[in-house]
Amino acid sequence: MFVKEPRPGAVKSRLAARMGPENAAALYRAIAEEEIRRTAPRGDEYDRLFFFAPAGARPAIEAWLSGEALVAQAEGDLGLRMAAAFREAFEGGARRVALVGSDVPWLAREDVLEALESLAEHDLVLGPATDGGYYLVALKRGDPGLFRGVPWGTQGVLAATLERAGALGRSVRALRTLGDVDTPEDVAADWGRLAPLLPPAVRAAVASALDL
């Protein structure tokens, strides 16, 4: 899982512009913690690594995710960082790896298991996001070519990745489509599910800022 230090001013800039950096950071932390809870493996189903950013935030991340296996994200764009994360996991002995972000609180352990199991018959598994990207990518071997030439941060990420997979001859399995939480519109659309995750003061502040 990719995570960021939930520090005001360092996460969810589009949300911070409407609700303030402190509330945006609190919302990100709540979303990430819900996803971490929901994707926790049972027994030895799979191991988890948390790739964190920025690299200098290790003390803060250790305090937040105490007892978890932590690795600093590599430098570079998202594609380079994801390729490096896959390489780290495979070099550590993993046979199948699913990489997820930390802004999809609806993601569940069952989705991760489905992705890993689907690699028995497919080269690549993607979890499509409603914004044109993907919330999960799973591989059974390192494949850095998949992450080259992708317009990160745009609505064309999923389409470009599928095009790269086709050009490389990779078979693809798609999971269910889920929405991430990046914009005020995302928060409004799922406020009924997001509100209970927030401390009362943050819940009230976000609701007021977004007229919810």
N, C-alpha and C. Protein backbone atom coordinates (compact mmCIF):
# COMPACT_ATOMS: atom_id res chain seq x y z
N MET A 1 0.84 -1.18 0.00
CA MET A 1 0.00 0.00 0.00
C MET A 1 0.88 1.24 0.00
N PHE A 2 0.56 2.21 -0.86
CA PHE A 2 1.21 3.50 -0.86
C PHE A 2 0.49 4.41 0.13
N VAL A 3 1.23 5.03 1.02
CA VAL A 3 0.64 5.97 1.98
C VAL A 3 1.49 7.23 2.01
N LYS A 4 0.86 8.33 2.44
CA LYS A 4 1.56 9.58 2.66
C LYS A 4 1.44 9.97 4.13
N GLU A 5 2.42 10.71 4.59
CA GLU A 5 2.30 11.26 5.94
C GLU A 5 1.07 12.16 5.98
N PRO A 6 0.13 11.91 6.89
CA PRO A 6 -1.10 12.71 6.94
C PRO A 6 -0.87 14.07 7.60
N ARG A 7 -0.02 14.86 6.97
CA ARG A 7 0.39 16.15 7.53
C ARG A 7 -0.34 17.28 6.80
N PRO A 8 -0.93 18.22 7.53
CA PRO A 8 -1.62 19.34 6.89
C PRO A 8 -0.73 20.05 5.87
N GLY A 9 -1.27 20.25 4.68
CA GLY A 9 -0.53 20.91 3.63
C GLY A 9 0.22 19.96 2.72
N ALA A 10 0.29 18.67 3.10
CA ALA A 10 1.06 17.70 2.32
C ALA A 10 0.17 16.68 1.61
N VAL A 11 -1.12 16.65 1.89
CA VAL A 11 -2.02 15.68 1.29
C VAL A 11 -3.32 16.36 0.86
N LYS A 12 -3.96 15.77 -0.16
CA LYS A 12 -5.29 16.17 -0.60
C LYS A 12 -5.42 17.67 -0.84
N SER A 13 -4.59 18.18 -1.75
CA SER A 13 -4.57 19.63 -2.01
C SER A 13 -5.90 20.13 -2.55
N ARG A 14 -6.58 19.32 -3.36
CA ARG A 14 -7.86 19.78 -3.92
C ARG A 14 -8.92 19.88 -2.83
N LEU A 15 -8.85 19.01 -1.85
CA LEU A 15 -9.77 19.11 -0.72
C LEU A 15 -9.38 20.24 0.21
N ALA A 16 -8.08 20.42 0.41
CA ALA A 16 -7.60 21.47 1.32
C ALA A 16 -8.03 22.85 0.86
N ALA A 17 -8.15 23.04 -0.45
CA ALA A 17 -8.55 24.35 -0.96
C ALA A 17 -9.96 24.72 -0.52
N ARG A 18 -10.80 23.72 -0.23
CA ARG A 18 -12.17 23.98 0.19
C ARG A 18 -12.37 23.87 1.70
N MET A 19 -11.70 22.93 2.31
CA MET A 19 -11.99 22.66 3.73
C MET A 19 -10.83 22.98 4.66
N GLY A 20 -9.71 23.45 4.10
CA GLY A 20 -8.55 23.76 4.92
C GLY A 20 -7.61 22.57 5.03
N PRO A 21 -6.31 22.83 5.15
CA PRO A 21 -5.33 21.74 5.18
C PRO A 21 -5.47 20.80 6.37
N GLU A 22 -5.84 21.32 7.54
CA GLU A 22 -5.97 20.45 8.71
C GLU A 22 -7.10 19.43 8.53
N ASN A 23 -8.25 19.92 8.04
CA ASN A 23 -9.38 19.02 7.84
C ASN A 23 -9.11 18.03 6.70
N ALA A 24 -8.44 18.50 5.66
CA ALA A 24 -8.10 17.61 4.55
C ALA A 24 -7.17 16.50 5.01
N ALA A 25 -6.19 16.84 5.85
CA ALA A 25 -5.27 15.82 6.37
C ALA A 25 -5.99 14.84 7.28
N ALA A 26 -6.91 15.34 8.11
CA ALA A 26 -7.67 14.45 8.98
C ALA A 26 -8.56 13.52 8.18
N LEU A 27 -9.14 14.05 7.10
CA LEU A 27 -9.97 13.21 6.23
C LEU A 27 -9.13 12.14 5.55
N TYR A 28 -7.96 12.53 5.03
CA TYR A 28 -7.08 11.53 4.42
C TYR A 28 -6.70 10.44 5.41
N ARG A 29 -6.35 10.83 6.61
CA ARG A 29 -5.95 9.84 7.61
C ARG A 29 -7.10 8.87 7.90
N ALA A 30 -8.31 9.39 8.03
CA ALA A 30 -9.46 8.53 8.31
C ALA A 30 -9.73 7.58 7.16
N ILE A 31 -9.61 8.08 5.93
CA ILE A 31 -9.83 7.24 4.75
C ILE A 31 -8.78 6.13 4.69
N ALA A 32 -7.52 6.51 4.88
CA ALA A 32 -6.44 5.53 4.83
C ALA A 32 -6.60 4.48 5.92
N GLU A 33 -6.94 4.90 7.12
CA GLU A 33 -7.10 3.95 8.22
C GLU A 33 -8.25 2.99 7.98
N GLU A 34 -9.32 3.46 7.36
CA GLU A 34 -10.43 2.57 7.04
C GLU A 34 -10.01 1.55 5.99
N GLU A 35 -9.27 1.98 4.99
CA GLU A 35 -8.78 1.05 3.97
C GLU A 35 -7.80 0.05 4.58
N ILE A 36 -6.93 0.51 5.45
CA ILE A 36 -5.99 -0.39 6.12
C ILE A 36 -6.75 -1.43 6.94
N ARG A 37 -7.77 -1.00 7.63
CA ARG A 37 -8.58 -1.93 8.43
C ARG A 37 -9.28 -2.95 7.55
N ARG A 38 -9.89 -2.48 6.47
CA ARG A 38 -10.68 -3.36 5.62
C ARG A 38 -9.83 -4.33 4.80
N THR A 39 -8.59 -3.98 4.55
CA THR A 39 -7.73 -4.86 3.76
C THR A 39 -6.79 -5.70 4.62
N ALA A 40 -6.95 -5.66 5.91
CA ALA A 40 -6.09 -6.46 6.79
C ALA A 40 -6.27 -7.95 6.48
N PRO A 41 -5.18 -8.67 6.26
CA PRO A 41 -5.31 -10.10 5.96
C PRO A 41 -5.70 -10.89 7.20
N ARG A 42 -6.30 -12.03 6.94
CA ARG A 42 -6.63 -12.96 8.01
C ARG A 42 -5.61 -14.09 7.98
N GLY A 43 -4.96 -14.28 9.10
CA GLY A 43 -3.93 -15.32 9.15
C GLY A 43 -2.80 -15.00 8.20
N ASP A 44 -2.40 -16.00 7.43
CA ASP A 44 -1.26 -15.82 6.52
C ASP A 44 -1.71 -15.67 5.07
N GLU A 45 -2.88 -15.07 4.85
CA GLU A 45 -3.38 -14.89 3.48
C GLU A 45 -2.39 -14.14 2.62
N TYR A 46 -1.83 -13.06 3.15
CA TYR A 46 -0.80 -12.30 2.46
C TYR A 46 -0.11 -11.39 3.47
N ASP A 47 1.06 -10.91 3.09
CA ASP A 47 1.80 -9.95 3.91
C ASP A 47 1.58 -8.55 3.34
N ARG A 48 1.76 -7.55 4.18
CA ARG A 48 1.61 -6.18 3.71
C ARG A 48 2.89 -5.38 3.92
N LEU A 49 3.21 -4.57 2.92
CA LEU A 49 4.27 -3.58 3.01
C LEU A 49 3.64 -2.22 2.81
N PHE A 50 4.07 -1.24 3.59
CA PHE A 50 3.59 0.12 3.44
C PHE A 50 4.72 0.98 2.88
N PHE A 51 4.53 1.45 1.64
CA PHE A 51 5.51 2.31 0.99
C PHE A 51 5.10 3.75 1.26
N PHE A 52 5.92 4.47 2.01
CA PHE A 52 5.50 5.78 2.50
C PHE A 52 6.26 6.92 1.82
N ALA A 53 5.64 8.08 1.86
CA ALA A 53 6.25 9.31 1.37
C ALA A 53 5.82 10.45 2.29
N PRO A 54 6.69 11.47 2.43
CA PRO A 54 8.05 11.56 1.88
C PRO A 54 9.02 10.68 2.67
N ALA A 55 10.21 10.50 2.10
CA ALA A 55 11.18 9.60 2.72
C ALA A 55 11.57 10.05 4.12
N GLY A 56 11.59 11.36 4.35
CA GLY A 56 11.98 11.87 5.66
C GLY A 56 10.93 11.75 6.74
N ALA A 57 9.76 11.19 6.38
CA ALA A 57 8.66 11.10 7.33
C ALA A 57 8.64 9.79 8.11
N ARG A 58 9.71 9.03 8.05
CA ARG A 58 9.69 7.72 8.71
C ARG A 58 9.28 7.79 10.18
N PRO A 59 9.82 8.71 11.01
CA PRO A 59 9.38 8.74 12.41
C PRO A 59 7.88 8.94 12.56
N ALA A 60 7.31 9.85 11.76
CA ALA A 60 5.87 10.10 11.85
C ALA A 60 5.08 8.89 11.37
N ILE A 61 5.54 8.23 10.31
CA ILE A 61 4.84 7.05 9.79
C ILE A 61 4.95 5.90 10.79
N GLU A 62 6.12 5.75 11.41
CA GLU A 62 6.28 4.70 12.42
C GLU A 62 5.34 4.91 13.59
N ALA A 63 5.14 6.16 13.98
CA ALA A 63 4.22 6.45 15.08
C ALA A 63 2.78 6.18 14.67
N TRP A 64 2.47 6.43 13.41
CA TRP A 64 1.10 6.24 12.90
C TRP A 64 0.82 4.76 12.66
N LEU A 65 1.72 4.07 11.97
CA LEU A 65 1.51 2.68 11.58
C LEU A 65 2.46 1.78 12.38
N SER A 66 2.36 1.87 13.66
CA SER A 66 3.26 1.13 14.54
C SER A 66 3.19 -0.37 14.28
N GLY A 67 4.36 -0.99 14.15
CA GLY A 67 4.43 -2.43 13.98
C GLY A 67 4.31 -2.92 12.56
N GLU A 68 4.03 -2.02 11.60
CA GLU A 68 3.90 -2.43 10.20
C GLU A 68 5.25 -2.40 9.51
N ALA A 69 5.35 -3.14 8.40
CA ALA A 69 6.57 -3.15 7.60
C ALA A 69 6.58 -1.92 6.70
N LEU A 70 7.58 -1.06 6.86
CA LEU A 70 7.62 0.23 6.18
C LEU A 70 8.81 0.31 5.23
N VAL A 71 8.55 0.87 4.05
CA VAL A 71 9.60 1.09 3.05
C VAL A 71 9.37 2.47 2.45
N ALA A 72 10.42 3.27 2.36
CA ALA A 72 10.29 4.59 1.74
C ALA A 72 10.05 4.43 0.24
N GLN A 73 9.14 5.23 -0.30
CA GLN A 73 8.91 5.21 -1.74
C GLN A 73 10.15 5.71 -2.47
N ALA A 74 10.35 5.19 -3.68
CA ALA A 74 11.46 5.64 -4.51
C ALA A 74 11.19 7.05 -5.01
N GLU A 75 12.21 7.66 -5.58
CA GLU A 75 12.06 8.98 -6.20
C GLU A 75 11.48 8.83 -7.60
N GLY A 76 10.95 9.91 -8.14
CA GLY A 76 10.46 9.90 -9.51
C GLY A 76 8.95 9.98 -9.59
N ASP A 77 8.43 9.86 -10.81
CA ASP A 77 6.98 9.94 -11.01
C ASP A 77 6.31 8.67 -10.48
N LEU A 78 5.00 8.66 -10.54
CA LEU A 78 4.27 7.53 -9.96
C LEU A 78 4.65 6.21 -10.61
N GLY A 79 4.86 6.21 -11.92
CA GLY A 79 5.25 4.98 -12.59
C GLY A 79 6.56 4.42 -12.08
N LEU A 80 7.55 5.29 -11.91
CA LEU A 80 8.84 4.84 -11.40
C LEU A 80 8.72 4.34 -9.97
N ARG A 81 7.89 5.01 -9.17
CA ARG A 81 7.73 4.60 -7.78
C ARG A 81 7.01 3.25 -7.68
N MET A 82 6.01 3.04 -8.54
CA MET A 82 5.31 1.76 -8.52
C MET A 82 6.22 0.63 -9.01
N ALA A 83 6.96 0.87 -10.07
CA ALA A 83 7.88 -0.16 -10.57
C ALA A 83 8.89 -0.53 -9.50
N ALA A 84 9.38 0.47 -8.75
CA ALA A 84 10.34 0.20 -7.68
C ALA A 84 9.70 -0.58 -6.55
N ALA A 85 8.43 -0.29 -6.25
CA ALA A 85 7.74 -1.03 -5.19
C ALA A 85 7.55 -2.49 -5.56
N PHE A 86 7.17 -2.74 -6.79
CA PHE A 86 7.05 -4.13 -7.24
C PHE A 86 8.40 -4.83 -7.16
N ARG A 87 9.44 -4.16 -7.60
CA ARG A 87 10.77 -4.76 -7.55
C ARG A 87 11.16 -5.10 -6.12
N GLU A 88 10.91 -4.20 -5.20
CA GLU A 88 11.22 -4.43 -3.78
C GLU A 88 10.49 -5.66 -3.27
N ALA A 89 9.21 -5.79 -3.60
CA ALA A 89 8.41 -6.91 -3.11
C ALA A 89 8.87 -8.23 -3.71
N PHE A 90 9.11 -8.24 -5.01
CA PHE A 90 9.54 -9.48 -5.64
C PHE A 90 10.94 -9.90 -5.19
N GLU A 91 11.83 -8.93 -5.03
CA GLU A 91 13.17 -9.27 -4.54
C GLU A 91 13.13 -9.75 -3.10
N GLY A 92 12.07 -9.38 -2.38
CA GLY A 92 11.90 -9.85 -1.01
C GLY A 92 11.27 -11.23 -0.91
N GLY A 93 10.97 -11.83 -2.06
CA GLY A 93 10.45 -13.20 -2.06
C GLY A 93 9.00 -13.36 -2.43
N ALA A 94 8.29 -12.28 -2.68
CA ALA A 94 6.87 -12.38 -3.06
C ALA A 94 6.73 -13.06 -4.42
N ARG A 95 5.67 -13.83 -4.57
CA ARG A 95 5.38 -14.48 -5.85
C ARG A 95 4.28 -13.77 -6.61
N ARG A 96 3.40 -13.10 -5.90
CA ARG A 96 2.33 -12.30 -6.50
C ARG A 96 2.20 -11.04 -5.65
N VAL A 97 2.01 -9.91 -6.30
CA VAL A 97 1.98 -8.63 -5.59
C VAL A 97 0.81 -7.79 -6.09
N ALA A 98 0.04 -7.25 -5.17
CA ALA A 98 -1.00 -6.27 -5.48
C ALA A 98 -0.61 -4.95 -4.83
N LEU A 99 -0.60 -3.90 -5.61
CA LEU A 99 -0.25 -2.57 -5.12
C LEU A 99 -1.51 -1.70 -5.12
N VAL A 100 -1.78 -1.05 -4.00
CA VAL A 100 -2.96 -0.19 -3.88
C VAL A 100 -2.56 1.16 -3.32
N GLY A 101 -3.38 2.16 -3.59
CA GLY A 101 -3.21 3.46 -2.98
C GLY A 101 -3.89 3.47 -1.62
N SER A 102 -4.09 4.67 -1.06
CA SER A 102 -4.69 4.74 0.28
C SER A 102 -5.82 5.76 0.33
N ASP A 103 -6.55 5.89 -0.79
CA ASP A 103 -7.67 6.82 -0.80
C ASP A 103 -8.95 6.17 -1.32
N VAL A 104 -9.07 4.84 -1.12
CA VAL A 104 -10.28 4.11 -1.51
C VAL A 104 -10.77 3.34 -0.28
N PRO A 105 -11.51 3.99 0.60
CA PRO A 105 -11.91 3.33 1.85
C PRO A 105 -12.87 2.17 1.65
N TRP A 106 -13.38 2.00 0.44
CA TRP A 106 -14.32 0.90 0.17
C TRP A 106 -13.56 -0.37 -0.27
N LEU A 107 -12.29 -0.26 -0.52
CA LEU A 107 -11.49 -1.42 -0.90
C LEU A 107 -11.46 -2.43 0.25
N ALA A 108 -11.61 -3.70 -0.07
CA ALA A 108 -11.71 -4.72 0.96
C ALA A 108 -10.68 -5.82 0.75
N ARG A 109 -10.48 -6.56 1.80
CA ARG A 109 -9.58 -7.72 1.76
C ARG A 109 -9.98 -8.68 0.63
N GLU A 110 -11.27 -8.83 0.41
CA GLU A 110 -11.73 -9.74 -0.64
C GLU A 110 -11.27 -9.29 -2.03
N ASP A 111 -11.18 -7.98 -2.24
CA ASP A 111 -10.70 -7.48 -3.52
C ASP A 111 -9.22 -7.83 -3.72
N VAL A 112 -8.45 -7.69 -2.66
CA VAL A 112 -7.03 -8.02 -2.74
C VAL A 112 -6.85 -9.51 -3.03
N LEU A 113 -7.60 -10.35 -2.34
CA LEU A 113 -7.51 -11.79 -2.57
C LEU A 113 -7.91 -12.14 -3.99
N GLU A 114 -8.97 -11.51 -4.48
CA GLU A 114 -9.41 -11.78 -5.86
C GLU A 114 -8.32 -11.40 -6.85
N ALA A 115 -7.65 -10.28 -6.61
CA ALA A 115 -6.58 -9.85 -7.50
C ALA A 115 -5.43 -10.85 -7.49
N LEU A 116 -5.00 -11.25 -6.31
CA LEU A 116 -3.88 -12.20 -6.22
C LEU A 116 -4.23 -13.55 -6.83
N GLU A 117 -5.44 -14.01 -6.59
CA GLU A 117 -5.86 -15.30 -7.14
C GLU A 117 -6.00 -15.24 -8.66
N SER A 118 -6.40 -14.08 -9.18
CA SER A 118 -6.59 -13.93 -10.63
C SER A 118 -5.27 -14.01 -11.38
N LEU A 119 -4.17 -13.78 -10.70
CA LEU A 119 -2.86 -13.86 -11.35
C LEU A 119 -2.49 -15.29 -11.73
N ALA A 120 -3.25 -16.27 -11.26
CA ALA A 120 -3.01 -17.65 -11.69
C ALA A 120 -3.28 -17.81 -13.19
N GLU A 121 -4.18 -16.97 -13.73
CA GLU A 121 -4.56 -17.10 -15.14
C GLU A 121 -4.32 -15.84 -15.95
N HIS A 122 -3.91 -14.75 -15.31
CA HIS A 122 -3.68 -13.50 -16.02
C HIS A 122 -2.33 -12.91 -15.63
N ASP A 123 -1.79 -12.09 -16.52
CA ASP A 123 -0.51 -11.45 -16.24
C ASP A 123 -0.67 -10.19 -15.40
N LEU A 124 -1.81 -9.54 -15.54
CA LEU A 124 -2.03 -8.23 -14.93
C LEU A 124 -3.47 -8.14 -14.45
N VAL A 125 -3.65 -7.60 -13.25
CA VAL A 125 -4.99 -7.35 -12.72
C VAL A 125 -5.08 -5.86 -12.38
N LEU A 126 -6.17 -5.24 -12.80
CA LEU A 126 -6.39 -3.82 -12.53
C LEU A 126 -7.75 -3.61 -11.86
N GLY A 127 -7.77 -2.70 -10.91
CA GLY A 127 -9.01 -2.28 -10.28
C GLY A 127 -9.38 -0.91 -10.81
N PRO A 128 -10.31 -0.82 -11.75
CA PRO A 128 -10.64 0.48 -12.34
C PRO A 128 -11.25 1.45 -11.34
N ALA A 129 -10.84 2.70 -11.42
CA ALA A 129 -11.42 3.76 -10.59
C ALA A 129 -12.36 4.60 -11.44
N THR A 130 -13.32 5.21 -10.81
CA THR A 130 -14.31 5.98 -11.54
C THR A 130 -13.75 7.22 -12.19
N ASP A 131 -12.55 7.67 -11.78
CA ASP A 131 -11.97 8.88 -12.35
C ASP A 131 -11.07 8.61 -13.54
N GLY A 132 -11.07 7.37 -14.05
CA GLY A 132 -10.25 7.04 -15.21
C GLY A 132 -8.89 6.48 -14.88
N GLY A 133 -8.60 6.32 -13.60
CA GLY A 133 -7.35 5.68 -13.18
C GLY A 133 -7.62 4.28 -12.69
N TYR A 134 -6.77 3.82 -11.78
CA TYR A 134 -7.02 2.53 -11.14
C TYR A 134 -6.56 2.58 -9.70
N TYR A 135 -7.27 1.82 -8.85
CA TYR A 135 -6.96 1.82 -7.42
C TYR A 135 -6.11 0.63 -7.03
N LEU A 136 -5.94 -0.34 -7.93
CA LEU A 136 -5.16 -1.55 -7.64
C LEU A 136 -4.51 -2.01 -8.92
N VAL A 137 -3.28 -2.46 -8.82
CA VAL A 137 -2.58 -3.12 -9.92
C VAL A 137 -1.83 -4.30 -9.33
N ALA A 138 -1.99 -5.47 -9.95
CA ALA A 138 -1.37 -6.69 -9.42
C ALA A 138 -0.59 -7.39 -10.53
N LEU A 139 0.58 -7.91 -10.15
CA LEU A 139 1.47 -8.58 -11.09
C LEU A 139 2.07 -9.82 -10.44
N LYS A 140 2.51 -10.77 -11.28
CA LYS A 140 3.21 -11.94 -10.76
C LYS A 140 4.70 -11.91 -11.10
N ARG A 141 5.11 -10.83 -11.73
CA ARG A 141 6.55 -10.59 -11.97
C ARG A 141 6.73 -9.10 -12.26
N GLY A 142 7.92 -8.60 -12.06
CA GLY A 142 8.18 -7.20 -12.36
C GLY A 142 7.95 -6.91 -13.83
N ASP A 143 7.32 -5.80 -14.13
CA ASP A 143 6.97 -5.47 -15.52
C ASP A 143 7.02 -3.94 -15.68
N PRO A 144 8.19 -3.33 -15.54
CA PRO A 144 8.28 -1.87 -15.53
C PRO A 144 7.79 -1.21 -16.80
N GLY A 145 7.79 -1.93 -17.92
CA GLY A 145 7.30 -1.35 -19.17
C GLY A 145 5.86 -0.93 -19.12
N LEU A 146 5.09 -1.53 -18.22
CA LEU A 146 3.68 -1.17 -18.10
C LEU A 146 3.50 0.26 -17.62
N PHE A 147 4.48 0.79 -16.93
CA PHE A 147 4.34 2.09 -16.28
C PHE A 147 5.04 3.22 -17.03
N ARG A 148 5.51 2.93 -18.24
CA ARG A 148 6.18 3.95 -19.03
C ARG A 148 5.19 4.62 -19.99
N GLY A 149 5.33 5.92 -20.12
CA GLY A 149 4.49 6.64 -21.06
C GLY A 149 3.04 6.79 -20.65
N VAL A 150 2.75 6.66 -19.36
CA VAL A 150 1.39 6.80 -18.86
C VAL A 150 1.18 8.22 -18.35
N PRO A 151 0.08 8.87 -18.73
CA PRO A 151 -0.15 10.26 -18.30
C PRO A 151 -0.70 10.32 -16.88
N TRP A 152 0.19 10.17 -15.90
CA TRP A 152 -0.23 10.10 -14.50
C TRP A 152 -0.98 11.38 -14.10
N GLY A 153 -2.01 11.17 -13.27
CA GLY A 153 -2.77 12.31 -12.78
C GLY A 153 -3.85 12.78 -13.74
N THR A 154 -4.13 12.01 -14.78
CA THR A 154 -5.16 12.38 -15.74
C THR A 154 -6.23 11.30 -15.80
N GLN A 155 -7.28 11.56 -16.55
CA GLN A 155 -8.35 10.59 -16.72
C GLN A 155 -7.98 9.48 -17.71
N GLY A 156 -6.78 9.57 -18.27
CA GLY A 156 -6.38 8.58 -19.26
C GLY A 156 -5.46 7.50 -18.74
N VAL A 157 -5.28 7.43 -17.42
CA VAL A 157 -4.32 6.47 -16.85
C VAL A 157 -4.72 5.02 -17.15
N LEU A 158 -5.96 4.67 -16.89
CA LEU A 158 -6.38 3.28 -17.11
C LEU A 158 -6.29 2.92 -18.58
N ALA A 159 -6.80 3.79 -19.46
CA ALA A 159 -6.78 3.50 -20.89
C ALA A 159 -5.35 3.34 -21.40
N ALA A 160 -4.45 4.20 -20.95
CA ALA A 160 -3.06 4.13 -21.39
C ALA A 160 -2.40 2.85 -20.89
N THR A 161 -2.73 2.45 -19.66
CA THR A 161 -2.15 1.22 -19.11
C THR A 161 -2.66 0.00 -19.87
N LEU A 162 -3.93 -0.01 -20.20
CA LEU A 162 -4.48 -1.12 -20.99
C LEU A 162 -3.83 -1.17 -22.37
N GLU A 163 -3.58 0.01 -22.94
CA GLU A 163 -2.91 0.05 -24.24
C GLU A 163 -1.50 -0.49 -24.14
N ARG A 164 -0.79 -0.12 -23.07
CA ARG A 164 0.56 -0.65 -22.86
C ARG A 164 0.53 -2.16 -22.67
N ALA A 165 -0.44 -2.65 -21.90
CA ALA A 165 -0.56 -4.09 -21.66
C ALA A 165 -0.80 -4.84 -22.97
N GLY A 166 -1.66 -4.28 -23.83
CA GLY A 166 -1.92 -4.91 -25.12
C GLY A 166 -0.67 -4.94 -25.99
N ALA A 167 0.07 -3.84 -26.00
CA ALA A 167 1.28 -3.78 -26.81
C ALA A 167 2.33 -4.77 -26.33
N LEU A 168 2.33 -5.04 -25.03
CA LEU A 168 3.31 -5.98 -24.45
C LEU A 168 2.80 -7.42 -24.44
N GLY A 169 1.57 -7.63 -24.88
CA GLY A 169 1.02 -8.97 -24.94
C GLY A 169 0.60 -9.54 -23.60
N ARG A 170 0.21 -8.66 -22.66
CA ARG A 170 -0.16 -9.12 -21.33
C ARG A 170 -1.67 -9.36 -21.25
N SER A 171 -2.06 -10.46 -20.64
CA SER A 171 -3.48 -10.72 -20.42
C SER A 171 -3.93 -9.97 -19.17
N VAL A 172 -5.15 -9.44 -19.21
CA VAL A 172 -5.62 -8.52 -18.16
C VAL A 172 -6.94 -8.99 -17.58
N ARG A 173 -7.06 -8.90 -16.27
CA ARG A 173 -8.33 -9.12 -15.57
C ARG A 173 -8.70 -7.82 -14.87
N ALA A 174 -9.95 -7.40 -15.01
CA ALA A 174 -10.44 -6.20 -14.35
C ALA A 174 -11.32 -6.57 -13.17
N LEU A 175 -11.10 -5.91 -12.05
CA LEU A 175 -11.94 -6.07 -10.86
C LEU A 175 -13.12 -5.11 -10.94
N ARG A 176 -13.90 -5.05 -9.88
CA ARG A 176 -15.02 -4.11 -9.84
C ARG A 176 -14.51 -2.67 -9.83
N THR A 177 -15.31 -1.77 -10.33
CA THR A 177 -14.96 -0.36 -10.36
C THR A 177 -15.31 0.28 -9.01
N LEU A 178 -14.36 1.06 -8.48
CA LEU A 178 -14.57 1.76 -7.21
C LEU A 178 -14.19 3.22 -7.37
N GLY A 179 -14.75 4.06 -6.51
CA GLY A 179 -14.40 5.47 -6.52
C GLY A 179 -13.41 5.80 -5.42
N ASP A 180 -12.42 6.63 -5.75
CA ASP A 180 -11.51 7.11 -4.71
C ASP A 180 -12.01 8.46 -4.21
N VAL A 181 -11.34 9.01 -3.23
CA VAL A 181 -11.79 10.26 -2.61
C VAL A 181 -10.69 11.29 -2.79
N ASP A 182 -10.84 12.13 -3.81
CA ASP A 182 -9.82 13.12 -4.14
C ASP A 182 -10.36 14.54 -4.22
N THR A 183 -11.65 14.68 -4.50
CA THR A 183 -12.21 16.00 -4.76
C THR A 183 -13.39 16.28 -3.83
N PRO A 184 -13.80 17.54 -3.69
CA PRO A 184 -14.99 17.84 -2.92
C PRO A 184 -16.22 17.10 -3.43
N GLU A 185 -16.29 16.90 -4.75
CA GLU A 185 -17.41 16.17 -5.32
C GLU A 185 -17.41 14.71 -4.88
N ASP A 186 -16.22 14.12 -4.76
CA ASP A 186 -16.12 12.75 -4.26
C ASP A 186 -16.62 12.65 -2.83
N VAL A 187 -16.24 13.62 -2.01
CA VAL A 187 -16.67 13.63 -0.61
C VAL A 187 -18.20 13.76 -0.53
N ALA A 188 -18.75 14.68 -1.31
CA ALA A 188 -20.19 14.89 -1.29
C ALA A 188 -20.95 13.64 -1.73
N ALA A 189 -20.44 12.98 -2.77
CA ALA A 189 -21.12 11.81 -3.31
C ALA A 189 -21.18 10.66 -2.31
N ASP A 190 -20.18 10.56 -1.45
CA ASP A 190 -20.12 9.44 -0.50
C ASP A 190 -20.17 9.91 0.94
N TRP A 191 -20.74 11.08 1.19
CA TRP A 191 -20.72 11.64 2.53
C TRP A 191 -21.40 10.72 3.54
N GLY A 192 -22.44 10.03 3.13
CA GLY A 192 -23.13 9.14 4.06
C GLY A 192 -22.23 8.04 4.61
N ARG A 193 -21.26 7.61 3.82
CA ARG A 193 -20.33 6.58 4.27
C ARG A 193 -19.07 7.17 4.89
N LEU A 194 -18.69 8.36 4.44
CA LEU A 194 -17.48 8.97 4.96
C LEU A 194 -17.67 9.61 6.33
N ALA A 195 -18.80 10.23 6.54
CA ALA A 195 -19.03 10.98 7.78
C ALA A 195 -18.76 10.16 9.03
N PRO A 196 -19.23 8.89 9.12
CA PRO A 196 -18.99 8.12 10.34
C PRO A 196 -17.52 7.82 10.62
N LEU A 197 -16.67 7.97 9.61
CA LEU A 197 -15.24 7.69 9.80
C LEU A 197 -14.50 8.84 10.47
N LEU A 198 -15.13 10.01 10.54
CA LEU A 198 -14.44 11.21 10.98
C LEU A 198 -14.73 11.55 12.44
N PRO A 199 -13.76 12.13 13.14
CA PRO A 199 -14.04 12.67 14.48
C PRO A 199 -15.13 13.73 14.38
N PRO A 200 -15.94 13.89 15.42
CA PRO A 200 -17.07 14.83 15.35
C PRO A 200 -16.69 16.24 14.91
N ALA A 201 -15.60 16.79 15.43
CA ALA A 201 -15.23 18.16 15.07
C ALA A 201 -14.85 18.26 13.60
N VAL A 202 -14.13 17.27 13.10
CA VAL A 202 -13.74 17.27 11.68
C VAL A 202 -14.98 17.06 10.81
N ARG A 203 -15.86 16.18 11.23
CA ARG A 203 -17.09 15.92 10.47
C ARG A 203 -17.89 17.21 10.32
N ALA A 204 -18.02 17.95 11.40
CA ALA A 204 -18.78 19.20 11.35
C ALA A 204 -18.10 20.23 10.47
N ALA A 205 -16.78 20.33 10.56
CA ALA A 205 -16.04 21.31 9.78
C ALA A 205 -16.12 21.00 8.28
N VAL A 206 -15.98 19.73 7.92
CA VAL A 206 -16.06 19.33 6.51
C VAL A 206 -17.47 19.56 5.98
N ALA A 207 -18.47 19.18 6.76
CA ALA A 207 -19.85 19.38 6.33
C ALA A 207 -20.15 20.86 6.10
N SER A 208 -19.64 21.70 6.97
CA SER A 208 -19.86 23.13 6.82
C SER A 208 -19.14 23.68 5.60
N ALA A 209 -17.89 23.26 5.40
CA ALA A 209 -17.10 23.77 4.29
C ALA A 209 -17.66 23.38 2.94
N LEU A 210 -18.27 22.19 2.88
CA LEU A 210 -18.77 21.68 1.61
C LEU A 210 -20.29 21.80 1.49
N ASP A 211 -20.92 22.45 2.47
CA ASP A 211 -22.38 22.62 2.46
C ASP A 211 -23.10 21.28 2.37
N LEU A 212 -22.69 20.33 3.19
CA LEU A 212 -23.28 18.99 3.17
C LEU A 212 -24.39 18.87 4.20
